[in-house]
Amino acid sequence: MPFKSKAQRRKFAQLLVEGKISNQTFEEWNRETGAKKLPERVGRTPSEKKPKRNVRRLRSGGGEN
């Protein structure tokens, strides 16, 4: 699976240094990414956002009784 961003590549490099992933895994991801120009970070797509909830607020004081 190729890297999606520069931040992700840095995180994997950090995990490699800490010994949490193998050199083979890092090299595989790096090879699949190739020489692509990666964005610094990848944001969420609109479909991933949490749906908005309609919240009715109660008015305090006076009003309908």
N, C-alpha and C. Protein backbone atom coordinates (compact mmCIF):
# COMPACT_ATOMS: atom_id res chain seq x y z
N MET A 1 0.85 -1.18 0.00
CA MET A 1 0.00 0.00 0.00
C MET A 1 0.90 1.24 0.00
N PRO A 2 0.69 2.14 -0.92
CA PRO A 2 1.55 3.33 -0.99
C PRO A 2 1.22 4.37 0.09
N PHE A 3 2.21 5.18 0.40
CA PHE A 3 1.99 6.27 1.35
C PHE A 3 1.02 7.28 0.75
N LYS A 4 0.21 7.91 1.62
CA LYS A 4 -0.74 8.91 1.16
C LYS A 4 -0.26 10.33 1.41
N SER A 5 0.70 10.49 2.33
CA SER A 5 1.18 11.83 2.65
C SER A 5 2.61 11.78 3.18
N LYS A 6 3.24 12.95 3.22
CA LYS A 6 4.59 13.06 3.78
C LYS A 6 4.56 12.74 5.28
N ALA A 7 3.50 13.17 5.95
CA ALA A 7 3.38 12.92 7.39
C ALA A 7 3.32 11.42 7.67
N GLN A 8 2.61 10.68 6.84
CA GLN A 8 2.52 9.24 7.02
C GLN A 8 3.89 8.59 6.80
N ARG A 9 4.62 9.06 5.81
CA ARG A 9 5.95 8.51 5.55
C ARG A 9 6.88 8.76 6.73
N ARG A 10 6.81 9.98 7.31
CA ARG A 10 7.64 10.29 8.49
C ARG A 10 7.28 9.40 9.66
N LYS A 11 5.97 9.14 9.86
CA LYS A 11 5.52 8.30 10.97
C LYS A 11 6.06 6.88 10.80
N PHE A 12 6.01 6.36 9.58
CA PHE A 12 6.53 5.02 9.35
C PHE A 12 8.04 4.96 9.55
N ALA A 13 8.75 6.02 9.16
CA ALA A 13 10.20 6.07 9.39
C ALA A 13 10.50 6.06 10.88
N GLN A 14 9.68 6.76 11.66
CA GLN A 14 9.85 6.78 13.11
C GLN A 14 9.60 5.38 13.68
N LEU A 15 8.55 4.71 13.22
CA LEU A 15 8.26 3.35 13.68
C LEU A 15 9.38 2.39 13.32
N LEU A 16 10.00 2.60 12.15
CA LEU A 16 11.12 1.77 11.73
C LEU A 16 12.31 1.95 12.68
N VAL A 17 12.62 3.19 13.02
CA VAL A 17 13.73 3.48 13.93
C VAL A 17 13.47 2.87 15.31
N GLU A 18 12.20 2.92 15.75
CA GLU A 18 11.84 2.36 17.06
C GLU A 18 11.74 0.84 17.04
N GLY A 19 11.82 0.25 15.85
CA GLY A 19 11.77 -1.21 15.74
C GLY A 19 10.37 -1.78 15.78
N LYS A 20 9.36 -0.95 15.55
CA LYS A 20 7.97 -1.42 15.62
C LYS A 20 7.49 -1.99 14.29
N ILE A 21 8.18 -1.65 13.19
CA ILE A 21 7.89 -2.26 11.89
C ILE A 21 9.21 -2.71 11.29
N SER A 22 9.12 -3.62 10.34
CA SER A 22 10.34 -4.14 9.73
C SER A 22 10.79 -3.24 8.58
N ASN A 23 12.07 -3.36 8.26
CA ASN A 23 12.64 -2.62 7.13
C ASN A 23 11.94 -3.04 5.84
N GLN A 24 11.58 -4.32 5.76
CA GLN A 24 10.91 -4.84 4.58
C GLN A 24 9.57 -4.14 4.36
N THR A 25 8.80 -3.94 5.42
CA THR A 25 7.51 -3.27 5.32
C THR A 25 7.68 -1.83 4.84
N PHE A 26 8.62 -1.12 5.45
CA PHE A 26 8.86 0.27 5.06
C PHE A 26 9.27 0.37 3.60
N GLU A 27 10.19 -0.49 3.19
CA GLU A 27 10.68 -0.46 1.80
C GLU A 27 9.58 -0.82 0.81
N GLU A 28 8.70 -1.74 1.20
CA GLU A 28 7.59 -2.12 0.32
C GLU A 28 6.67 -0.92 0.08
N TRP A 29 6.30 -0.23 1.15
CA TRP A 29 5.43 0.95 1.03
C TRP A 29 6.13 2.04 0.22
N ASN A 30 7.41 2.24 0.49
CA ASN A 30 8.18 3.27 -0.20
C ASN A 30 8.27 2.96 -1.70
N ARG A 31 8.49 1.70 -2.03
CA ARG A 31 8.60 1.29 -3.43
C ARG A 31 7.27 1.49 -4.16
N GLU A 32 6.15 1.14 -3.50
CA GLU A 32 4.84 1.29 -4.13
C GLU A 32 4.46 2.75 -4.31
N THR A 33 4.97 3.62 -3.44
CA THR A 33 4.68 5.05 -3.57
C THR A 33 5.42 5.64 -4.75
N GLY A 34 6.63 5.20 -4.96
CA GLY A 34 7.43 5.71 -6.08
C GLY A 34 7.86 7.14 -5.83
N ALA A 35 7.95 7.92 -6.91
CA ALA A 35 8.42 9.31 -6.82
C ALA A 35 7.25 10.30 -6.84
N LYS A 36 6.08 9.86 -6.38
CA LYS A 36 4.91 10.73 -6.38
C LYS A 36 5.13 11.96 -5.52
N LYS A 37 4.53 13.05 -5.92
CA LYS A 37 4.55 14.27 -5.13
C LYS A 37 3.42 14.14 -4.10
N LEU A 38 3.79 13.96 -2.84
CA LEU A 38 2.79 13.73 -1.79
C LEU A 38 2.43 15.03 -1.08
N PRO A 39 1.17 15.15 -0.66
CA PRO A 39 0.78 16.32 0.13
C PRO A 39 1.35 16.19 1.55
N GLU A 40 1.45 17.30 2.26
CA GLU A 40 1.95 17.25 3.64
C GLU A 40 1.02 16.42 4.52
N ARG A 41 -0.26 16.68 4.41
CA ARG A 41 -1.26 15.92 5.16
C ARG A 41 -2.47 15.67 4.28
N VAL A 42 -3.21 14.61 4.60
CA VAL A 42 -4.43 14.30 3.89
C VAL A 42 -5.59 14.48 4.85
N GLY A 43 -6.55 15.31 4.47
CA GLY A 43 -7.70 15.55 5.32
C GLY A 43 -8.80 14.54 5.07
N ARG A 44 -9.83 14.63 5.85
CA ARG A 44 -10.97 13.75 5.67
C ARG A 44 -11.75 14.15 4.42
N THR A 45 -12.37 13.16 3.80
CA THR A 45 -13.25 13.46 2.69
C THR A 45 -14.62 13.80 3.26
N PRO A 46 -15.46 14.52 2.52
CA PRO A 46 -16.77 14.91 3.05
C PRO A 46 -17.60 13.72 3.54
N SER A 47 -17.47 12.55 2.93
CA SER A 47 -18.26 11.40 3.35
C SER A 47 -17.80 10.86 4.70
N GLU A 48 -16.60 11.19 5.15
CA GLU A 48 -16.10 10.69 6.42
C GLU A 48 -16.51 11.57 7.59
N LYS A 49 -17.03 12.77 7.31
CA LYS A 49 -17.40 13.67 8.39
C LYS A 49 -18.58 13.12 9.16
N LYS A 50 -18.64 13.44 10.42
CA LYS A 50 -19.76 13.01 11.23
C LYS A 50 -21.02 13.76 10.81
N PRO A 51 -22.14 13.08 10.77
CA PRO A 51 -23.37 13.78 10.39
C PRO A 51 -23.77 14.78 11.48
N LYS A 52 -24.34 15.89 11.04
CA LYS A 52 -24.77 16.90 12.00
C LYS A 52 -26.05 16.44 12.66
N ARG A 53 -26.16 16.73 13.94
CA ARG A 53 -27.38 16.39 14.66
C ARG A 53 -28.21 17.64 14.81
N ASN A 54 -29.51 17.50 14.61
CA ASN A 54 -30.41 18.61 14.84
C ASN A 54 -30.75 18.63 16.32
N VAL A 55 -30.32 19.66 16.98
CA VAL A 55 -30.55 19.76 18.43
C VAL A 55 -31.49 20.93 18.67
N ARG A 56 -32.60 20.64 19.33
CA ARG A 56 -33.54 21.70 19.67
C ARG A 56 -33.15 22.25 21.02
N ARG A 57 -33.01 23.53 21.08
CA ARG A 57 -32.65 24.17 22.34
C ARG A 57 -33.91 24.70 23.01
N LEU A 58 -33.98 24.46 24.29
CA LEU A 58 -35.12 24.97 25.05
C LEU A 58 -34.83 26.39 25.47
N ARG A 59 -35.82 27.23 25.33
CA ARG A 59 -35.65 28.63 25.75
C ARG A 59 -36.02 28.73 27.22
N SER A 60 -35.20 29.41 27.95
CA SER A 60 -35.51 29.58 29.37
C SER A 60 -36.26 30.89 29.57
N GLY A 61 -37.14 30.88 30.54
CA GLY A 61 -37.90 32.08 30.86
C GLY A 61 -39.03 32.33 29.88
N GLY A 62 -40.14 32.85 30.36
CA GLY A 62 -41.30 33.24 29.55
C GLY A 62 -41.61 32.27 28.42
N GLY A 63 -42.59 32.58 27.67
CA GLY A 63 -42.88 31.75 26.52
C GLY A 63 -44.19 31.01 26.66
N GLU A 64 -44.31 29.92 25.97
CA GLU A 64 -45.55 29.18 25.95
C GLU A 64 -45.72 28.34 27.20
N ASN A 65 -46.90 28.43 27.81
CA ASN A 65 -47.24 27.61 28.99
C ASN A 65 -48.50 26.90 28.75
